[in-house]
Amino acid sequence: MIEDIILQFVEAINEHNVEKIIELMSEDHEFIDTWNRKETKKEMSKGWKDYFEWFPDYHIEILEYFKSNASIGLLGFASGSYKGNKNSYWKIPAFWKIRVEKEKVKLWQVVADSKIPFDSMNERS
């Protein structure tokens, strides 16, 4: 079931389980960030590892779920802190658009104010 795949993907993200995240991606997986930059499965294998190093407490909180014929939408919050520094903690509203095909995540698109997390990388404790 599509919802189960998405919940497994979110759980893998919250556990920082890069192997599981990669396993749940389709071979033609596409990640699209807030700035509409696109990354492949291969690029995201490294991308998730880097992101979890930067934000070791990164967490997704889902509040609502939307479904259309082609996509699933998740509405909630993303939170974390740069290198675990409590002074750089942030929590921002976020929306994720997901497509699942053949029990794999084909599309993971995030829309959020990514300036806040990246600005936290420059803050001093």
Protein backbone atom coordinates (compact mmCIF):
# COMPACT_ATOMS: atom_id res chain seq x y z
CA MET A 1 0.00 0.00 0.00
CA ILE A 2 1.30 3.44 -0.96
CA GLU A 3 0.73 4.96 2.47
CA ASP A 4 2.79 2.21 4.10
CA ILE A 5 5.74 2.88 1.79
CA ILE A 6 5.59 6.60 2.58
CA LEU A 7 5.40 5.97 6.32
CA GLN A 8 8.39 3.63 6.07
CA PHE A 9 10.30 6.33 4.18
CA VAL A 10 9.49 8.99 6.80
CA GLU A 11 10.43 6.55 9.57
CA ALA A 12 13.75 5.80 7.85
CA ILE A 13 14.44 9.54 7.61
CA ASN A 14 13.61 10.05 11.28
CA GLU A 15 15.89 7.15 12.19
CA HIS A 16 18.61 8.52 9.87
CA ASN A 17 18.71 5.09 8.27
CA VAL A 18 20.30 5.94 4.92
CA GLU A 19 20.40 2.30 3.81
CA LYS A 20 16.63 1.97 4.31
CA ILE A 21 15.98 5.31 2.59
CA ILE A 22 17.98 4.16 -0.45
CA GLU A 23 16.27 0.75 -0.42
CA LEU A 24 12.85 2.45 -0.57
CA MET A 25 13.82 4.65 -3.55
CA SER A 26 13.05 3.64 -7.12
CA GLU A 27 16.02 3.37 -9.48
CA ASP A 28 14.77 6.51 -11.26
CA HIS A 29 14.11 8.31 -7.95
CA GLU A 30 14.05 12.09 -8.08
CA PHE A 31 14.56 14.38 -5.10
CA ILE A 32 13.50 17.99 -5.63
CA ASP A 33 14.44 20.62 -3.06
CA THR A 34 12.85 23.96 -2.24
CA TRP A 35 14.86 25.68 -4.97
CA ASN A 36 13.67 23.12 -7.55
CA ARG A 37 17.11 21.51 -7.76
CA LYS A 38 16.83 17.88 -8.77
CA GLU A 39 18.96 15.00 -7.50
CA THR A 40 19.08 11.33 -8.48
CA LYS A 41 19.09 8.27 -6.24
CA LYS A 42 22.87 8.06 -6.50
CA GLU A 43 23.31 11.72 -5.54
CA MET A 44 20.88 11.38 -2.64
CA SER A 45 22.80 8.42 -1.22
CA LYS A 46 25.51 10.92 -0.35
CA GLY A 47 23.06 13.80 0.16
CA TRP A 48 21.18 12.13 3.02
CA LYS A 49 24.44 11.13 4.74
CA ASP A 50 25.70 14.72 4.54
CA TYR A 51 22.41 16.18 5.74
CA PHE A 52 22.32 13.90 8.79
CA GLU A 53 25.90 14.88 9.62
CA TRP A 54 24.95 18.55 9.47
CA PHE A 55 21.67 18.03 11.36
CA PRO A 56 22.09 14.93 13.55
CA ASP A 57 18.70 15.47 15.20
CA TYR A 58 16.78 16.12 11.95
CA HIS A 59 13.18 15.04 12.32
CA ILE A 60 10.01 15.13 10.25
CA GLU A 61 6.65 15.55 12.01
CA ILE A 62 3.59 14.85 9.87
CA LEU A 63 0.33 16.61 10.76
CA GLU A 64 -1.83 16.06 7.68
CA TYR A 65 -1.94 13.78 4.69
CA PHE A 66 -3.42 14.58 1.26
CA LYS A 67 -3.99 12.25 -1.66
CA SER A 68 -4.64 12.93 -5.35
CA ASN A 69 -4.68 10.54 -8.27
CA ALA A 70 -0.96 10.98 -8.92
CA SER A 71 0.61 12.15 -5.67
CA ILE A 72 0.54 12.14 -1.90
CA GLY A 73 1.09 15.34 0.06
CA LEU A 74 2.32 15.55 3.63
CA LEU A 75 2.03 18.70 5.71
CA GLY A 76 3.96 19.16 8.92
CA PHE A 77 7.25 20.33 10.35
CA ALA A 78 10.91 19.62 9.87
CA SER A 79 13.30 20.32 12.72
CA GLY A 80 16.92 19.96 13.70
CA SER A 81 20.03 21.77 14.79
CA TYR A 82 23.37 22.23 13.09
CA LYS A 83 25.85 19.68 14.49
CA GLY A 84 23.42 19.14 17.39
CA ASN A 85 24.05 22.64 18.77
CA LYS A 86 20.92 23.53 20.77
CA ASN A 87 21.51 27.23 20.06
CA SER A 88 21.02 26.57 16.35
CA TYR A 89 17.77 24.59 16.72
CA TRP A 90 15.06 25.28 14.16
CA LYS A 91 11.57 23.98 13.45
CA ILE A 92 9.91 25.01 10.22
CA PRO A 93 6.62 24.26 8.45
CA ALA A 94 7.14 21.96 5.51
CA PHE A 95 5.25 20.22 2.74
CA TRP A 96 6.33 17.08 0.93
CA LYS A 97 5.01 15.86 -2.40
CA ILE A 98 5.56 12.15 -2.96
CA ARG A 99 4.97 9.71 -5.79
CA VAL A 100 5.21 5.98 -5.26
CA GLU A 101 5.46 3.49 -8.11
CA LYS A 102 5.88 -0.27 -7.79
CA GLU A 103 6.25 0.05 -3.99
CA LYS A 104 9.20 2.47 -4.28
CA VAL A 105 9.43 6.22 -3.73
CA LYS A 106 9.84 7.71 -7.19
CA LEU A 107 9.53 11.38 -6.16
CA TRP A 108 10.33 13.13 -2.88
CA GLN A 109 9.85 16.87 -3.17
CA VAL A 110 10.16 19.22 -0.22
CA VAL A 111 8.86 22.75 0.08
CA ALA A 112 10.08 24.65 3.16
CA ASP A 113 12.03 27.72 4.14
CA SER A 114 15.42 26.06 3.80
CA LYS A 115 17.18 29.36 4.44
CA ILE A 116 16.56 28.87 8.17
CA PRO A 117 18.41 25.52 8.50
CA PHE A 118 21.29 26.72 6.34
CA ASP A 119 21.51 30.02 8.23
CA SER A 120 21.81 27.97 11.45
CA MET A 121 25.07 26.56 10.07
CA ASN A 122 26.59 30.03 10.39
CA GLU A 123 25.31 30.83 13.90
CA ARG A 124 27.68 30.88 16.85
CA SER A 125 26.84 29.22 20.15
